[in-house]
Amino acid sequence: MKHKTIAIILAPMLSLSALSCQSPTPDNPEKTQPESDSTTEIASSLPERDFQNYPFTFLNGNTSYTYNNVTASEQNGETINDAIYKRNLDVEEMYNITIEEIISENPQSDYTKSVVAQDNSFDIALLRMEWAFPVVLENQALNWNAIPHLNLDQPYWVQGSISGMSLMNNVYFAVSLFDVSHFESVRTFLFNKNMVAEYNMDSPYQLVKDGKWTLDKFYEMSLSTAQDLDNDGKWTANDQYGVIGYSNVLCNTLMTGVGSILSIGKDDNDMPYFDLDNEYNMERLLAVSKLFENKDGFVYKENDQNMFRDGKSLFLSCLFSEVIPLRDMEDDFGIIPTPKYDEQQSEYINLGGSPFFMVVPVTADNLDRTGTIMESLAMLSTDVIDTAYYDIVLKGKSSRDSESLEMLDLIFSTLEYYHPLANSYLNSPLADQYIWNGRSDFASYFASVKDQINTDIESAMKTYSDNVK
């Protein structure tokens, strides 16, 4: 399978069968987890330090998501705010620091200016992958192998982000439970429970549990709800559809789900190579693209969430950041993972999207302090930030059921990420121009860009080999 990794991010994680026995009631949608002292054991392994009221500072490029701050000045009763406040306070008191942030509208530029000036104005930057990778190639980011105290194999570090973003087994940027954007950027599917009942469909929840939630089932269910409600012979906003979704999000999400991420491949030595033109990936590219050959009734051509809110679509493809505003929707909805290619596919795979990755500037002057705080913030976010986010998503009548909790655990434990290397050839062009338009001429496209892709790969590998090993 292309890019096969499983990111176990919730600690401890319950199996679906265990969750079915231990899930909370609809009136109390709190996460139920067994007692574990693993966090205590890791905490005891951290060094004892007094950093003398040091202002540990983040350059925060997150200005796009709902929860975009990594600091909280006080408790105010808002779930995420109070979770951040508690986590930060624990780390601040443990190490005698203050946690601060610089909000940046131009984070890649501000990052580079600071590194060039060597002013150490921040300790860690939070950058999207498309901003993080260039600063690595410019030798402006620190290899995490040089940072002490990081336990990157622990579940509070999102394993899919580490395996997905590393090259030549070098990690320069990744995400942990520390940052709420990790949750908000994940792609998901919602379904209208009322429509499932009205059309006497199989429960999507049960399909997922039985391993039968596949691309074909998704398409079949979508078309079965399509109706030209005003009988004018045209598919408009007045009609009823199978799925609503932004072209790039929907196509990227489906491709990830069937095991073919629109990105480079990597071999057993973590070396990148181009493989989207092999038989495995071509088969899946064509299968997903075929869904969009005729959009009539299947997908509404605009990303209009109000259509889903008004009960005019069975499914909605979206980011988790877009789920929360729908909690007061009149119809009940459920949350499910991305469909598999077929029943033989062994696991569900879900797209982590584009969160804000931690990047350490190459000019960092106290790696003992940097590593200690990075690890502490990640570890002490366990059962704090993740629990708070679950609580936010599950509040309101729309998703207050035990099955949605099961689906959240499944989704967040099977995350994959596309690498930004050669991204300009392998992501948006394929999703927006080819798959969304139901095209099948992938072979000719790949033939036209393969040399450029391989040139990008070779250039990046030379930089890694020569300068950033």
Protein backbone atom coordinates (compact mmCIF):
# COMPACT_ATOMS: atom_id res chain seq x y z
CA MET A 1 0.00 0.00 0.00
CA LYS A 2 1.31 3.46 -0.85
CA HIS A 3 2.54 5.42 2.20
CA LYS A 4 1.36 2.70 4.59
CA THR A 5 1.59 3.94 8.16
CA ILE A 6 -0.81 3.96 11.06
CA ALA A 7 -0.72 6.95 13.40
CA ILE A 8 -1.82 5.96 16.89
CA ILE A 9 -2.40 9.35 18.47
CA LEU A 10 -4.69 8.76 21.43
CA ALA A 11 -3.14 7.17 24.46
CA PRO A 12 -4.28 4.71 25.42
CA MET A 13 -6.31 3.78 22.34
CA LEU A 14 -9.31 1.50 22.61
CA SER A 15 -10.22 -0.99 19.91
CA LEU A 16 -13.58 -0.61 18.23
CA SER A 17 -14.84 -3.73 19.97
CA ALA A 18 -13.79 -2.40 23.36
CA LEU A 19 -15.35 0.95 22.62
CA SER A 20 -18.66 -0.69 21.80
CA CYS A 21 -18.73 -2.00 25.35
CA GLN A 22 -17.34 1.05 27.12
CA SER A 23 -18.66 3.99 25.10
CA PRO A 24 -20.39 6.85 26.95
CA THR A 25 -24.09 7.40 26.83
CA PRO A 26 -25.51 10.05 24.48
CA ASP A 27 -26.11 12.26 27.50
CA ASN A 28 -22.50 12.06 28.61
CA PRO A 29 -20.22 12.10 25.54
CA GLU A 30 -16.94 12.03 27.43
CA LYS A 31 -14.02 9.86 26.36
CA THR A 32 -13.84 6.63 28.35
CA GLN A 33 -10.32 5.30 28.77
CA PRO A 34 -8.69 2.78 31.11
CA GLU A 35 -6.26 3.94 33.72
CA SER A 36 -2.63 4.01 32.63
CA ASP A 37 0.59 5.20 34.23
CA SER A 38 2.48 5.45 30.93
CA THR A 39 2.29 9.25 30.96
CA THR A 40 3.61 9.34 34.52
CA GLU A 41 6.49 7.07 33.52
CA ILE A 42 7.44 9.31 30.61
CA ALA A 43 7.12 12.43 32.79
CA SER A 44 9.49 10.94 35.33
CA SER A 45 12.05 10.45 32.56
CA LEU A 46 12.11 14.15 31.72
CA PRO A 47 15.01 16.12 33.15
CA GLU A 48 14.52 18.38 36.12
CA ARG A 49 15.29 21.91 35.05
CA ASP A 50 14.83 25.49 36.16
CA PHE A 51 14.84 27.76 33.13
CA GLN A 52 14.66 30.91 35.23
CA ASN A 53 11.44 32.43 33.94
CA TYR A 54 12.52 32.05 30.32
CA PRO A 55 9.92 33.30 27.78
CA PHE A 56 9.57 30.19 25.58
CA THR A 57 8.14 31.66 22.39
CA PHE A 58 6.26 30.28 19.38
CA LEU A 59 6.16 31.97 16.00
CA ASN A 60 2.55 31.04 15.26
CA GLY A 61 1.54 31.09 11.59
CA ASN A 62 -1.91 29.70 12.31
CA THR A 63 -4.39 32.42 11.43
CA SER A 64 -6.82 30.19 9.53
CA TYR A 65 -8.37 27.66 11.90
CA THR A 66 -10.99 28.16 14.61
CA TYR A 67 -8.61 27.48 17.48
CA ASN A 68 -5.41 29.17 16.40
CA ASN A 69 -3.75 30.17 19.66
CA VAL A 70 -1.26 28.12 21.64
CA THR A 71 -1.55 30.32 24.72
CA ALA A 72 -4.45 31.23 26.99
CA SER A 73 -4.17 34.15 29.41
CA GLU A 74 -6.86 32.85 31.76
CA GLN A 75 -9.60 30.30 32.15
CA ASN A 76 -12.88 31.49 30.68
CA GLY A 77 -15.07 28.38 30.63
CA GLU A 78 -14.43 27.66 26.93
CA THR A 79 -13.31 24.03 26.62
CA ILE A 80 -10.30 24.37 24.33
CA ASN A 81 -9.09 27.60 25.94
CA ASP A 82 -9.17 26.05 29.40
CA ALA A 83 -7.41 22.90 28.22
CA ILE A 84 -4.60 25.00 26.71
CA TYR A 85 -4.42 27.08 29.88
CA LYS A 86 -4.13 23.99 32.08
CA ARG A 87 -1.53 22.28 29.89
CA ASN A 88 0.60 25.41 29.60
CA LEU A 89 0.38 26.18 33.30
CA ASP A 90 1.58 22.67 34.18
CA VAL A 91 4.63 23.05 31.92
CA GLU A 92 5.32 26.62 33.04
CA GLU A 93 5.31 25.63 36.70
CA MET A 94 7.35 22.49 36.04
CA TYR A 95 10.17 24.38 34.32
CA ASN A 96 9.83 27.99 35.50
CA ILE A 97 9.08 29.40 32.06
CA THR A 98 6.38 31.51 30.44
CA ILE A 99 4.86 30.31 27.18
CA GLU A 100 4.37 33.11 24.66
CA GLU A 101 3.45 33.42 21.01
CA ILE A 102 4.01 35.80 18.12
CA ILE A 103 1.10 35.69 15.67
CA SER A 104 2.37 36.07 12.11
CA GLU A 105 0.51 36.77 8.89
CA ASN A 106 3.71 36.02 6.93
CA PRO A 107 5.26 33.19 8.93
CA GLN A 108 7.66 31.79 6.33
CA SER A 109 9.09 35.25 5.64
CA ASP A 110 9.26 36.12 9.36
CA TYR A 111 10.94 32.79 10.06
CA THR A 112 13.63 33.38 7.44
CA LYS A 113 14.26 36.95 8.55
CA SER A 114 14.80 35.82 12.13
CA VAL A 115 17.16 33.01 11.15
CA VAL A 116 19.21 35.26 8.88
CA ALA A 117 19.41 37.92 11.59
CA GLN A 118 20.14 35.23 14.23
CA ASP A 119 17.99 37.18 16.66
CA ASN A 120 16.46 34.10 18.36
CA SER A 121 13.11 35.88 18.54
CA PHE A 122 11.30 32.55 18.85
CA ASP A 123 12.09 28.99 19.91
CA ILE A 124 9.68 27.07 17.68
CA ALA A 125 7.70 28.03 14.60
CA LEU A 126 4.33 26.61 13.63
CA LEU A 127 4.26 26.39 9.84
CA ARG A 128 2.22 24.59 7.22
CA MET A 129 4.13 21.87 5.40
CA GLU A 130 4.40 23.96 2.23
CA TRP A 131 6.19 26.64 4.29
CA ALA A 132 8.22 24.26 6.44
CA PHE A 133 9.79 22.25 3.63
CA PRO A 134 11.40 25.25 1.85
CA VAL A 135 13.10 26.44 5.04
CA VAL A 136 14.51 22.93 5.47
CA LEU A 137 15.90 23.05 1.93
CA GLU A 138 17.45 26.44 2.73
CA ASN A 139 19.25 24.90 5.75
CA GLN A 140 17.26 27.08 8.12
CA ALA A 141 15.66 24.30 10.19
CA LEU A 142 17.18 21.98 12.76
CA ASN A 143 17.26 18.22 12.34
CA TRP A 144 15.30 16.74 15.25
CA ASN A 145 17.98 14.08 15.66
CA ALA A 146 20.02 16.87 17.26
CA ILE A 147 17.32 17.72 19.81
CA PRO A 148 17.53 15.81 23.11
CA HIS A 149 14.63 14.41 25.17
CA LEU A 150 12.25 13.81 22.23
CA ASN A 151 10.47 10.44 22.36
CA LEU A 152 9.07 10.50 18.85
CA ASP A 153 7.78 6.93 19.03
CA GLN A 154 5.31 7.89 21.77
CA PRO A 155 1.60 8.17 20.87
CA TYR A 156 1.38 11.88 21.69
CA TRP A 157 3.58 12.48 18.63
CA VAL A 158 1.39 11.90 15.58
CA GLN A 159 3.16 9.00 13.96
CA GLY A 160 1.72 9.58 10.49
CA SER A 161 3.17 13.10 10.47
CA ILE A 162 6.62 11.78 11.37
CA SER A 163 6.68 8.95 8.82
CA GLY A 164 4.97 11.11 6.19
CA MET A 165 7.25 14.14 6.48
CA SER A 166 10.61 12.46 7.05
CA LEU A 167 13.12 11.96 4.25
CA MET A 168 16.20 9.74 4.53
CA ASN A 169 15.02 9.11 8.12
CA ASN A 170 15.52 12.78 8.95
CA VAL A 171 12.69 14.60 10.73
CA TYR A 172 12.58 18.39 10.53
CA PHE A 173 8.89 19.03 11.18
CA ALA A 174 6.03 17.06 12.70
CA VAL A 175 2.93 17.50 14.86
CA SER A 176 1.81 16.29 18.25
CA LEU A 177 -1.28 16.48 20.43
CA PHE A 178 0.03 19.91 21.46
CA ASP A 179 -1.50 21.77 18.51
CA VAL A 180 -5.28 21.89 17.99
CA SER A 181 -4.75 22.50 14.26
CA HIS A 182 -3.74 18.84 14.08
CA PHE A 183 -7.36 17.96 14.89
CA GLU A 184 -9.01 20.74 12.91
CA SER A 185 -7.23 19.99 9.63
CA VAL A 186 -8.23 16.31 9.49
CA ARG A 187 -10.61 15.45 6.64
CA THR A 188 -13.81 13.57 7.41
CA PHE A 189 -17.26 12.67 6.12
CA LEU A 190 -20.59 13.52 7.73
CA PHE A 191 -23.84 11.76 6.89
CA ASN A 192 -27.43 12.83 7.41
CA LYS A 193 -29.04 10.30 9.77
CA ASN A 194 -32.57 11.34 8.82
CA MET A 195 -31.92 10.63 5.15
CA VAL A 196 -30.39 7.24 5.95
CA ALA A 197 -33.60 6.31 7.80
CA GLU A 198 -35.88 7.84 5.17
CA TYR A 199 -34.27 5.84 2.34
CA ASN A 200 -33.98 2.68 4.46
CA MET A 201 -30.21 2.50 3.95
CA ASP A 202 -27.63 0.41 5.76
CA SER A 203 -26.20 2.22 8.76
CA PRO A 204 -22.89 3.83 7.74
CA TYR A 205 -21.64 3.11 11.26
CA GLN A 206 -22.30 -0.61 10.83
CA LEU A 207 -20.78 -0.61 7.36
CA VAL A 208 -17.59 0.84 8.84
CA LYS A 209 -17.51 -1.75 11.64
CA ASP A 210 -18.13 -4.60 9.21
CA GLY A 211 -15.36 -3.42 6.85
CA LYS A 212 -17.92 -2.79 4.12
CA TRP A 213 -17.66 1.00 3.91
CA THR A 214 -16.12 1.12 0.43
CA LEU A 215 -15.89 3.47 -2.55
CA ASP A 216 -18.63 1.56 -4.38
CA LYS A 217 -20.95 1.70 -1.36
CA PHE A 218 -20.33 5.42 -0.97
CA TYR A 219 -21.22 6.02 -4.62
CA GLU A 220 -24.26 3.74 -4.52
CA MET A 221 -25.68 5.47 -1.44
CA SER A 222 -24.94 8.91 -2.89
CA LEU A 223 -26.82 8.25 -6.12
CA SER A 224 -29.78 6.64 -4.34
CA THR A 225 -30.64 9.97 -2.70
CA ALA A 226 -30.23 12.16 -5.82
CA GLN A 227 -33.48 13.91 -6.73
CA ASP A 228 -34.41 16.67 -9.15
CA LEU A 229 -36.73 18.15 -6.54
CA ASP A 230 -38.16 20.92 -8.72
CA ASN A 231 -38.49 18.68 -11.79
CA ASP A 232 -36.94 21.26 -14.09
CA GLY A 233 -34.48 18.82 -15.65
CA LYS A 234 -31.50 20.75 -14.28
CA TRP A 235 -29.23 20.08 -11.31
CA THR A 236 -29.19 23.25 -9.21
CA ALA A 237 -29.18 24.36 -5.58
CA ASN A 238 -32.89 23.52 -5.51
CA ASP A 239 -32.22 19.79 -5.81
CA GLN A 240 -30.94 16.96 -3.60
CA TYR A 241 -27.49 15.41 -3.92
CA GLY A 242 -25.32 12.59 -2.72
CA VAL A 243 -22.37 14.59 -1.46
CA ILE A 244 -21.28 18.19 -0.94
CA GLY A 245 -17.60 19.02 -0.88
CA TYR A 246 -14.86 21.33 -2.06
CA SER A 247 -13.13 19.73 -5.05
CA ASN A 248 -9.61 19.55 -3.60
CA VAL A 249 -10.72 18.34 -0.17
CA LEU A 250 -13.15 15.74 -1.51
CA CYS A 251 -10.82 14.32 -4.16
CA ASN A 252 -7.75 14.29 -1.91
CA THR A 253 -9.74 12.66 0.89
CA LEU A 254 -11.10 9.91 -1.35
CA MET A 255 -7.68 9.20 -2.86
CA THR A 256 -6.16 8.86 0.61
CA GLY A 257 -8.97 6.56 1.69
CA VAL A 258 -8.35 4.13 -1.16
CA GLY A 259 -4.63 4.01 -0.33
CA SER A 260 -3.17 6.28 -3.00
CA ILE A 261 -2.10 9.65 -1.60
CA LEU A 262 -1.47 12.36 -4.22
CA SER A 263 2.18 12.63 -3.27
CA ILE A 264 5.57 11.01 -3.67
CA GLY A 265 6.18 7.44 -2.54
CA LYS A 266 8.98 6.34 -0.23
CA ASP A 267 10.98 3.10 -0.11
CA ASP A 268 12.11 1.05 2.89
CA ASN A 269 15.08 3.39 3.35
CA ASP A 270 12.79 6.44 3.48
CA MET A 271 14.02 7.60 0.09
CA PRO A 272 11.43 9.41 -2.05
CA TYR A 273 10.48 8.35 -5.54
CA PHE A 274 7.65 8.95 -7.99
CA ASP A 275 5.16 6.08 -8.11
CA LEU A 276 1.72 7.45 -8.91
CA ASP A 277 2.06 6.04 -12.42
CA ASN A 278 2.38 2.42 -11.30
CA GLU A 279 -0.44 -0.11 -11.72
CA TYR A 280 -1.60 0.06 -8.10
CA ASN A 281 -2.02 3.82 -8.02
CA MET A 282 -3.34 4.17 -11.57
CA GLU A 283 -6.10 1.70 -10.78
CA ARG A 284 -7.19 3.82 -7.84
CA LEU A 285 -6.83 7.13 -9.64
CA LEU A 286 -9.13 5.88 -12.36
CA ALA A 287 -11.63 4.42 -9.89
CA VAL A 288 -12.03 7.70 -7.99
CA SER A 289 -12.00 9.83 -11.13
CA LYS A 290 -14.76 7.67 -12.65
CA LEU A 291 -17.11 8.82 -9.85
CA PHE A 292 -16.91 12.36 -11.22
CA GLU A 293 -17.47 11.58 -14.90
CA ASN A 294 -21.09 12.61 -14.45
CA LYS A 295 -21.68 14.80 -11.42
CA ASP A 296 -25.46 14.99 -11.90
CA GLY A 297 -27.00 14.16 -8.55
CA PHE A 298 -23.76 12.73 -7.20
CA VAL A 299 -22.01 15.92 -6.12
CA TYR A 300 -23.10 19.53 -5.92
CA LYS A 301 -20.60 21.60 -7.87
CA GLU A 302 -20.00 24.16 -5.14
CA ASN A 303 -18.78 23.76 -1.57
CA ASP A 304 -22.02 24.94 0.07
CA GLN A 305 -22.39 23.53 3.57
CA ASN A 306 -25.82 25.09 3.87
CA MET A 307 -27.02 22.48 1.38
CA PHE A 308 -26.04 19.77 3.86
CA ARG A 309 -27.46 21.77 6.77
CA ASP A 310 -30.78 22.02 4.91
CA GLY A 311 -30.98 18.28 4.33
CA LYS A 312 -30.20 18.43 0.61
CA SER A 313 -27.22 16.09 0.66
CA LEU A 314 -26.63 12.67 2.20
CA PHE A 315 -22.89 13.24 2.74
CA LEU A 316 -20.61 16.20 3.44
CA SER A 317 -16.86 16.08 2.83
CA CYS A 318 -15.14 18.58 5.12
CA LEU A 319 -12.44 19.42 7.63
CA PHE A 320 -13.12 18.82 11.30
CA SER A 321 -12.92 22.58 11.78
CA GLU A 322 -16.12 22.76 9.73
CA VAL A 323 -18.03 20.23 11.86
CA ILE A 324 -18.49 22.41 14.93
CA PRO A 325 -20.66 25.10 13.24
CA LEU A 326 -23.07 22.33 12.18
CA ARG A 327 -23.82 21.08 15.68
CA ASP A 328 -27.12 22.98 15.81
CA MET A 329 -28.29 21.56 12.46
CA GLU A 330 -31.91 20.44 12.65
CA ASP A 331 -31.30 16.95 11.19
CA ASP A 332 -29.03 14.62 13.12
CA PHE A 333 -25.71 13.78 11.49
CA GLY A 334 -22.99 11.24 12.12
CA ILE A 335 -19.22 11.21 11.59
CA ILE A 336 -17.51 8.45 9.59
CA PRO A 337 -14.06 7.75 8.12
CA THR A 338 -13.17 7.85 4.44
CA PRO A 339 -14.35 4.80 2.48
CA LYS A 340 -11.88 2.08 1.54
CA TYR A 341 -11.12 0.98 -2.03
CA ASP A 342 -12.80 -2.40 -1.49
CA GLU A 343 -13.52 -4.90 1.28
CA GLN A 344 -10.10 -6.51 0.76
CA GLN A 345 -8.36 -3.31 1.89
CA SER A 346 -7.33 -4.12 5.43
CA GLU A 347 -7.64 -0.70 7.03
CA TYR A 348 -9.34 2.66 6.78
CA ILE A 349 -7.00 5.54 5.96
CA ASN A 350 -7.78 9.17 6.69
CA LEU A 351 -6.14 12.38 5.51
CA GLY A 352 -4.50 14.50 8.18
CA GLY A 353 -4.57 17.51 5.87
CA SER A 354 -2.39 20.54 6.49
CA PRO A 355 -1.93 21.34 10.17
CA PHE A 356 0.76 23.62 11.56
CA PHE A 357 3.98 21.67 12.03
CA MET A 358 6.61 22.38 14.68
CA VAL A 359 9.86 23.66 13.14
CA VAL A 360 12.96 24.50 15.18
CA PRO A 361 15.24 27.22 13.73
CA VAL A 362 18.79 26.18 13.02
CA THR A 363 19.93 29.11 15.19
CA ALA A 364 18.37 27.63 18.37
CA ASP A 365 20.93 28.16 21.13
CA ASN A 366 19.72 25.87 23.94
CA LEU A 367 18.60 22.49 22.62
CA ASP A 368 18.32 20.99 26.09
CA ARG A 369 15.63 23.56 26.86
CA THR A 370 13.97 23.27 23.44
CA GLY A 371 13.72 19.49 23.60
CA THR A 372 12.52 19.47 27.18
CA ILE A 373 9.68 21.90 26.46
CA MET A 374 8.70 20.27 23.14
CA GLU A 375 8.40 16.87 24.77
CA SER A 376 6.63 18.17 27.87
CA LEU A 377 4.04 20.13 25.89
CA ALA A 378 3.32 17.14 23.67
CA MET A 379 3.11 14.63 26.51
CA LEU A 380 1.05 16.80 28.85
CA SER A 381 -1.47 17.43 26.08
CA THR A 382 -2.55 13.77 26.32
CA ASP A 383 -6.06 13.43 27.79
CA VAL A 384 -6.21 17.26 27.95
CA ILE A 385 -6.19 18.74 24.44
CA ASP A 386 -7.56 15.62 22.74
CA THR A 387 -10.29 15.20 25.35
CA ALA A 388 -11.25 18.87 25.03
CA TYR A 389 -11.49 18.59 21.26
CA TYR A 390 -13.66 15.47 21.47
CA ASP A 391 -15.93 17.31 23.87
CA ILE A 392 -16.26 20.27 21.50
CA VAL A 393 -17.03 18.09 18.46
CA LEU A 394 -19.52 15.88 20.31
CA LYS A 395 -21.45 18.68 22.00
CA GLY A 396 -24.95 19.37 20.72
CA LYS A 397 -27.58 16.89 19.62
CA SER A 398 -26.22 16.33 16.13
CA SER A 399 -23.41 13.94 17.03
CA ARG A 400 -24.17 12.94 20.60
CA ASP A 401 -23.95 9.19 20.16
CA SER A 402 -21.48 6.51 21.14
CA GLU A 403 -20.87 5.50 17.53
CA SER A 404 -19.54 8.96 16.63
CA LEU A 405 -17.04 8.56 19.45
CA GLU A 406 -15.92 5.25 17.98
CA MET A 407 -15.52 6.86 14.59
CA LEU A 408 -13.44 9.72 16.03
CA ASP A 409 -11.03 7.25 17.59
CA LEU A 410 -10.81 5.32 14.32
CA ILE A 411 -10.26 8.44 12.21
CA PHE A 412 -7.62 9.99 14.46
CA SER A 413 -5.75 6.69 14.76
CA THR A 414 -5.35 6.18 10.99
CA LEU A 415 -3.96 9.47 9.71
CA GLU A 416 -1.75 9.93 6.66
CA TYR A 417 -0.18 13.10 5.22
CA TYR A 418 0.95 14.06 1.74
CA HIS A 419 4.56 15.26 1.53
CA PRO A 420 5.11 18.72 -0.05
CA LEU A 421 7.96 17.48 -2.25
CA ALA A 422 6.83 17.88 -5.91
CA ASN A 423 3.47 18.97 -4.53
CA SER A 424 2.83 21.42 -7.38
CA TYR A 425 2.65 18.48 -9.80
CA LEU A 426 1.06 15.80 -7.66
CA ASN A 427 -1.67 17.34 -5.57
CA SER A 428 -3.85 20.21 -6.70
CA PRO A 429 -3.47 19.56 -10.44
CA LEU A 430 -4.55 15.95 -10.02
CA ALA A 431 -7.35 16.65 -7.53
CA ASP A 432 -8.80 19.80 -9.08
CA GLN A 433 -8.13 19.38 -12.79
CA TYR A 434 -8.15 15.64 -13.40
CA ILE A 435 -10.10 13.71 -10.75
CA TRP A 436 -12.77 16.37 -10.13
CA ASN A 437 -13.41 16.54 -13.88
CA GLY A 438 -13.59 12.78 -14.31
CA ARG A 439 -10.56 12.61 -16.59
CA SER A 440 -8.76 9.37 -17.32
CA ASP A 441 -5.66 10.63 -19.19
CA PHE A 442 -3.35 10.31 -16.17
CA ALA A 443 -0.68 8.45 -18.12
CA SER A 444 -0.13 11.31 -20.54
CA TYR A 445 -0.06 13.85 -17.71
CA PHE A 446 2.53 11.88 -15.77
CA ALA A 447 4.63 11.47 -18.89
CA SER A 448 4.64 15.26 -19.33
CA VAL A 449 5.73 16.06 -15.76
CA LYS A 450 7.75 13.04 -14.68
CA ASP A 451 11.10 14.61 -15.54
CA GLN A 452 10.28 17.74 -13.51
CA ILE A 453 9.13 15.61 -10.57
CA ASN A 454 12.31 13.55 -10.61
CA THR A 455 14.39 16.73 -10.88
CA ASP A 456 12.67 18.11 -7.76
CA ILE A 457 13.30 14.84 -5.93
CA GLU A 458 16.97 14.74 -6.93
CA SER A 459 17.49 18.37 -5.92
CA ALA A 460 15.90 17.84 -2.51
CA MET A 461 17.92 14.69 -1.89
CA LYS A 462 21.15 16.42 -2.79
CA THR A 463 20.36 19.14 -0.26
CA TYR A 464 19.52 16.57 2.41
CA SER A 465 22.63 14.52 1.66
CA ASP A 466 25.05 17.46 1.48
CA ASN A 467 23.78 19.86 4.08
CA VAL A 468 21.07 18.64 6.40
CA LYS A 469 21.93 15.07 7.34
